[in-house]
Amino acid sequence: MADEPTGNLDSETSEKIYGLFRMLNKNGLSLIIVTHNMDLAGLANRVVRLRDGKIALN
């Protein structure tokens, strides 16, 4: 589980974190990432959005 894993990082370090997450997932690890970073969310196989504390259906 990662909460805003790239929140205060420079772009180069963020890319390294993205790569680590991709490698871990490719090797069978499931990840839960909480983020406002839509670039990071866009890399996910599945995105669940919350709105006002509830799962948003769209």
PDB file of N, CA and C in Angstrom:
ATOM      1  N   MET A   1       0.855  -1.162   0.000  1.00  0.00           N
ATOM      2  CA  MET A   1       0.000   0.000   0.000  1.00  0.00           C
ATOM      3  C   MET A   1       0.905   1.229   0.000  1.00  0.00           C
ATOM      4  N   ALA A   2       0.594   2.182  -0.846  1.00  0.00           N
ATOM      5  CA  ALA A   2       1.383   3.406  -0.950  1.00  0.00           C
ATOM      6  C   ALA A   2       0.439   4.605  -0.965  1.00  0.00           C
ATOM      7  N   ASP A   3       0.649   5.543  -0.065  1.00  0.00           N
ATOM      8  CA  ASP A   3      -0.176   6.744   0.022  1.00  0.00           C
ATOM      9  C   ASP A   3       0.625   7.928  -0.507  1.00  0.00           C
ATOM     10  N   GLU A   4       0.222   8.452  -1.658  1.00  0.00           N
ATOM     11  CA  GLU A   4       0.909   9.572  -2.332  1.00  0.00           C
ATOM     12  C   GLU A   4       2.422   9.310  -2.439  1.00  0.00           C
ATOM     13  N   PRO A   5       2.799   8.196  -3.072  1.00  0.00           N
ATOM     14  CA  PRO A   5       4.210   7.803  -3.094  1.00  0.00           C
ATOM     15  C   PRO A   5       5.141   8.765  -3.825  1.00  0.00           C
ATOM     16  N   THR A   6       4.608   9.600  -4.699  1.00  0.00           N
ATOM     17  CA  THR A   6       5.470  10.517  -5.442  1.00  0.00           C
ATOM     18  C   THR A   6       5.113  11.976  -5.157  1.00  0.00           C
ATOM     19  N   GLY A   7       4.384  12.214  -4.082  1.00  0.00           N
ATOM     20  CA  GLY A   7       3.848  13.536  -3.779  1.00  0.00           C
ATOM     21  C   GLY A   7       4.858  14.668  -3.761  1.00  0.00           C
ATOM     22  N   ASN A   8       6.021  14.462  -3.196  1.00  0.00           N
ATOM     23  CA  ASN A   8       7.013  15.541  -3.075  1.00  0.00           C
ATOM     24  C   ASN A   8       8.329  15.188  -3.753  1.00  0.00           C
ATOM     25  N   LEU A   9       8.251  14.369  -4.790  1.00  0.00           N
ATOM     26  CA  LEU A   9       9.469  13.934  -5.465  1.00  0.00           C
ATOM     27  C   LEU A   9       9.644  14.646  -6.801  1.00  0.00           C
ATOM     28  N   ASP A  10      10.894  14.761  -7.216  1.00  0.00           N
ATOM     29  CA  ASP A  10      11.171  15.316  -8.536  1.00  0.00           C
ATOM     30  C   ASP A  10      10.776  14.283  -9.597  1.00  0.00           C
ATOM     31  N   SER A  11      10.666  14.709 -10.847  1.00  0.00           N
ATOM     32  CA  SER A  11      10.163  13.832 -11.909  1.00  0.00           C
ATOM     33  C   SER A  11      11.063  12.617 -12.146  1.00  0.00           C
ATOM     34  N   GLU A  12      12.367  12.769 -12.028  1.00  0.00           N
ATOM     35  CA  GLU A  12      13.280  11.638 -12.244  1.00  0.00           C
ATOM     36  C   GLU A  12      13.066  10.560 -11.185  1.00  0.00           C
ATOM     37  N   THR A  13      12.963  10.961  -9.935  1.00  0.00           N
ATOM     38  CA  THR A  13      12.748   9.999  -8.863  1.00  0.00           C
ATOM     39  C   THR A  13      11.361   9.378  -8.971  1.00  0.00           C
ATOM     40  N   SER A  14      10.372  10.177  -9.368  1.00  0.00           N
ATOM     41  CA  SER A  14       9.023   9.650  -9.563  1.00  0.00           C
ATOM     42  C   SER A  14       9.022   8.552 -10.614  1.00  0.00           C
ATOM     43  N   GLU A  15       9.751   8.738 -11.718  1.00  0.00           N
ATOM     44  CA  GLU A  15       9.843   7.721 -12.768  1.00  0.00           C
ATOM     45  C   GLU A  15      10.452   6.436 -12.222  1.00  0.00           C
ATOM     46  N   LYS A  16      11.435   6.551 -11.349  1.00  0.00           N
ATOM     47  CA  LYS A  16      12.046   5.360 -10.740  1.00  0.00           C
ATOM     48  C   LYS A  16      11.027   4.621  -9.880  1.00  0.00           C
ATOM     49  N   ILE A  17      10.224   5.369  -9.138  1.00  0.00           N
ATOM     50  CA  ILE A  17       9.181   4.759  -8.314  1.00  0.00           C
ATOM     51  C   ILE A  17       8.159   4.062  -9.206  1.00  0.00           C
ATOM     52  N   TYR A  18       7.733   4.735 -10.301  1.00  0.00           N
ATOM     53  CA  TYR A  18       6.802   4.118 -11.253  1.00  0.00           C
ATOM     54  C   TYR A  18       7.373   2.787 -11.748  1.00  0.00           C
ATOM     55  N   GLY A  19       8.646   2.792 -12.111  1.00  0.00           N
ATOM     56  CA  GLY A  19       9.297   1.579 -12.615  1.00  0.00           C
ATOM     57  C   GLY A  19       9.310   0.468 -11.579  1.00  0.00           C
ATOM     58  N   LEU A  20       9.572   0.814 -10.339  1.00  0.00           N
ATOM     59  CA  LEU A  20       9.560  -0.170  -9.256  1.00  0.00           C
ATOM     60  C   LEU A  20       8.172  -0.773  -9.097  1.00  0.00           C
ATOM     61  N   PHE A  21       7.146   0.064  -9.109  1.00  0.00           N
ATOM     62  CA  PHE A  21       5.781  -0.435  -8.986  1.00  0.00           C
ATOM     63  C   PHE A  21       5.430  -1.363 -10.148  1.00  0.00           C
ATOM     64  N   ARG A  22       5.817  -1.000 -11.371  1.00  0.00           N
ATOM     65  CA  ARG A  22       5.536  -1.845 -12.541  1.00  0.00           C
ATOM     66  C   ARG A  22       6.225  -3.203 -12.407  1.00  0.00           C
ATOM     67  N   MET A  23       7.488  -3.195 -11.950  1.00  0.00           N
ATOM     68  CA  MET A  23       8.232  -4.435 -11.786  1.00  0.00           C
ATOM     69  C   MET A  23       7.577  -5.324 -10.721  1.00  0.00           C
ATOM     70  N   LEU A  24       7.203  -4.722  -9.596  1.00  0.00           N
ATOM     71  CA  LEU A  24       6.572  -5.493  -8.529  1.00  0.00           C
ATOM     72  C   LEU A  24       5.263  -6.110  -9.006  1.00  0.00           C
ATOM     73  N   ASN A  25       4.465  -5.334  -9.732  1.00  0.00           N
ATOM     74  CA  ASN A  25       3.192  -5.840 -10.234  1.00  0.00           C
ATOM     75  C   ASN A  25       3.403  -6.934 -11.278  1.00  0.00           C
ATOM     76  N   LYS A  26       4.376  -6.746 -12.150  1.00  0.00           N
ATOM     77  CA  LYS A  26       4.682  -7.756 -13.168  1.00  0.00           C
ATOM     78  C   LYS A  26       5.086  -9.074 -12.525  1.00  0.00           C
ATOM     79  N   ASN A  27       5.698  -8.991 -11.344  1.00  0.00           N
ATOM     80  CA  ASN A  27       6.132 -10.182 -10.621  1.00  0.00           C
ATOM     81  C   ASN A  27       5.051 -10.734  -9.698  1.00  0.00           C
ATOM     82  N   GLY A  28       3.808 -10.260  -9.866  1.00  0.00           N
ATOM     83  CA  GLY A  28       2.687 -10.859  -9.168  1.00  0.00           C
ATOM     84  C   GLY A  28       2.217 -10.162  -7.908  1.00  0.00           C
ATOM     85  N   LEU A  29       2.811  -9.050  -7.550  1.00  0.00           N
ATOM     86  CA  LEU A  29       2.406  -8.334  -6.344  1.00  0.00           C
ATOM     87  C   LEU A  29       1.260  -7.382  -6.664  1.00  0.00           C
ATOM     88  N   SER A  30       0.235  -7.424  -5.849  1.00  0.00           N
ATOM     89  CA  SER A  30      -0.864  -6.463  -5.992  1.00  0.00           C
ATOM     90  C   SER A  30      -0.528  -5.219  -5.195  1.00  0.00           C
ATOM     91  N   LEU A  31      -0.806  -4.070  -5.761  1.00  0.00           N
ATOM     92  CA  LEU A  31      -0.497  -2.799  -5.122  1.00  0.00           C
ATOM     93  C   LEU A  31      -1.763  -1.980  -4.958  1.00  0.00           C
ATOM     94  N   ILE A  32      -1.854  -1.288  -3.846  1.00  0.00           N
ATOM     95  CA  ILE A  32      -2.902  -0.299  -3.635  1.00  0.00           C
ATOM     96  C   ILE A  32      -2.185   1.030  -3.507  1.00  0.00           C
ATOM     97  N   ILE A  33      -2.488   1.934  -4.422  1.00  0.00           N
ATOM     98  CA  ILE A  33      -1.826   3.236  -4.437  1.00  0.00           C
ATOM     99  C   ILE A  33      -2.895   4.313  -4.322  1.00  0.00           C
ATOM    100  N   VAL A  34      -2.742   5.160  -3.334  1.00  0.00           N
ATOM    101  CA  VAL A  34      -3.637   6.299  -3.149  1.00  0.00           C
ATOM    102  C   VAL A  34      -2.904   7.518  -3.692  1.00  0.00           C
ATOM    103  N   THR A  35      -3.509   8.191  -4.667  1.00  0.00           N
ATOM    104  CA  THR A  35      -2.806   9.312  -5.285  1.00  0.00           C
ATOM    105  C   THR A  35      -3.768  10.315  -5.908  1.00  0.00           C
ATOM    106  N   HIS A  36      -3.310  11.542  -6.012  1.00  0.00           N
ATOM    107  CA  HIS A  36      -3.994  12.566  -6.792  1.00  0.00           C
ATOM    108  C   HIS A  36      -3.288  12.742  -8.136  1.00  0.00           C
ATOM    109  N   ASN A  37      -2.189  12.027  -8.334  1.00  0.00           N
ATOM    110  CA  ASN A  37      -1.375  12.121  -9.539  1.00  0.00           C
ATOM    111  C   ASN A  37      -2.008  11.263 -10.642  1.00  0.00           C
ATOM    112  N   MET A  38      -2.650  11.903 -11.591  1.00  0.00           N
ATOM    113  CA  MET A  38      -3.360  11.177 -12.637  1.00  0.00           C
ATOM    114  C   MET A  38      -2.409  10.450 -13.586  1.00  0.00           C
ATOM    115  N   ASP A  39      -1.158  10.913 -13.703  1.00  0.00           N
ATOM    116  CA  ASP A  39      -0.173  10.188 -14.502  1.00  0.00           C
ATOM    117  C   ASP A  39       0.095   8.821 -13.878  1.00  0.00           C
ATOM    118  N   LEU A  40       0.280   8.792 -12.572  1.00  0.00           N
ATOM    119  CA  LEU A  40       0.511   7.534 -11.869  1.00  0.00           C
ATOM    120  C   LEU A  40      -0.731   6.656 -11.944  1.00  0.00           C
ATOM    121  N   ALA A  41      -1.901   7.230 -11.715  1.00  0.00           N
ATOM    122  CA  ALA A  41      -3.149   6.459 -11.779  1.00  0.00           C
ATOM    123  C   ALA A  41      -3.347   5.867 -13.172  1.00  0.00           C
ATOM    124  N   GLY A  42      -2.925   6.588 -14.190  1.00  0.00           N
ATOM    125  CA  GLY A  42      -3.081   6.118 -15.567  1.00  0.00           C
ATOM    126  C   GLY A  42      -2.270   4.883 -15.883  1.00  0.00           C
ATOM    127  N   LEU A  43      -1.286   4.568 -15.070  1.00  0.00           N
ATOM    128  CA  LEU A  43      -0.471   3.373 -15.284  1.00  0.00           C
ATOM    129  C   LEU A  43      -1.119   2.119 -14.708  1.00  0.00           C
ATOM    130  N   ALA A  44      -2.138   2.298 -13.907  1.00  0.00           N
ATOM    131  CA  ALA A  44      -2.766   1.176 -13.215  1.00  0.00           C
ATOM    132  C   ALA A  44      -3.635   0.338 -14.147  1.00  0.00           C
ATOM    133  N   ASN A  45      -3.754  -0.937 -13.818  1.00  0.00           N
ATOM    134  CA  ASN A  45      -4.660  -1.822 -14.539  1.00  0.00           C
ATOM    135  C   ASN A  45      -6.111  -1.550 -14.150  1.00  0.00           C
ATOM    136  N   ARG A  46      -6.296  -1.053 -12.941  1.00  0.00           N
ATOM    137  CA  ARG A  46      -7.642  -0.761 -12.444  1.00  0.00           C
ATOM    138  C   ARG A  46      -7.573   0.484 -11.573  1.00  0.00           C
ATOM    139  N   VAL A  47      -8.515   1.387 -11.750  1.00  0.00           N
ATOM    140  CA  VAL A  47      -8.580   2.610 -10.958  1.00  0.00           C
ATOM    141  C   VAL A  47      -9.953   2.667 -10.297  1.00  0.00           C
ATOM    142  N   VAL A  48      -9.958   2.876  -8.988  1.00  0.00           N
ATOM    143  CA  VAL A  48     -11.194   3.066  -8.237  1.00  0.00           C
ATOM    144  C   VAL A  48     -11.161   4.493  -7.723  1.00  0.00           C
ATOM    145  N   ARG A  49     -12.140   5.275  -8.102  1.00  0.00           N
ATOM    146  CA  ARG A  49     -12.186   6.682  -7.690  1.00  0.00           C
ATOM    147  C   ARG A  49     -13.162   6.847  -6.538  1.00  0.00           C
ATOM    148  N   LEU A  50     -12.767   7.682  -5.583  1.00  0.00           N
ATOM    149  CA  LEU A  50     -13.637   8.008  -4.458  1.00  0.00           C
ATOM    150  C   LEU A  50     -14.100   9.442  -4.587  1.00  0.00           C
ATOM    151  N   ARG A  51     -15.341   9.683  -4.211  1.00  0.00           N
ATOM    152  CA  ARG A  51     -15.882  11.034  -4.200  1.00  0.00           C
ATOM    153  C   ARG A  51     -16.738  11.155  -2.944  1.00  0.00           C
ATOM    154  N   ASP A  52     -16.418  12.109  -2.128  1.00  0.00           N
ATOM    155  CA  ASP A  52     -17.141  12.316  -0.872  1.00  0.00           C
ATOM    156  C   ASP A  52     -17.177  11.050  -0.027  1.00  0.00           C
ATOM    157  N   GLY A  53     -16.080  10.325  -0.027  1.00  0.00           N
ATOM    158  CA  GLY A  53     -15.961   9.124   0.799  1.00  0.00           C
ATOM    159  C   GLY A  53     -16.656   7.887   0.265  1.00  0.00           C
ATOM    160  N   LYS A  54     -17.161   7.954  -0.957  1.00  0.00           N
ATOM    161  CA  LYS A  54     -17.857   6.823  -1.560  1.00  0.00           C
ATOM    162  C   LYS A  54     -17.229   6.496  -2.909  1.00  0.00           C
ATOM    163  N   ILE A  55     -17.365   5.242  -3.324  1.00  0.00           N
ATOM    164  CA  ILE A  55     -16.855   4.837  -4.618  1.00  0.00           C
ATOM    165  C   ILE A  55     -17.676   5.526  -5.707  1.00  0.00           C
ATOM    166  N   ALA A  56     -16.988   6.227  -6.595  1.00  0.00           N
ATOM    167  CA  ALA A  56     -17.640   6.912  -7.711  1.00  0.00           C
ATOM    168  C   ALA A  56     -17.850   5.909  -8.834  1.00  0.00           C
ATOM    169  N   LEU A  57     -19.008   5.874  -9.401  1.00  0.00           N
ATOM    170  CA  LEU A  57     -19.329   4.890 -10.437  1.00  0.00           C
ATOM    171  C   LEU A  57     -18.849   5.306 -11.815  1.00  0.00           C
ATOM    172  N   ASN A  58     -18.449   6.558 -12.008  1.00  0.00           N
ATOM    173  CA  ASN A  58     -17.938   6.968 -13.312  1.00  0.00           C
ATOM    174  C   ASN A  58     -16.792   7.896 -13.160  1.00  0.00           C
TER     175      ASN A  58
END
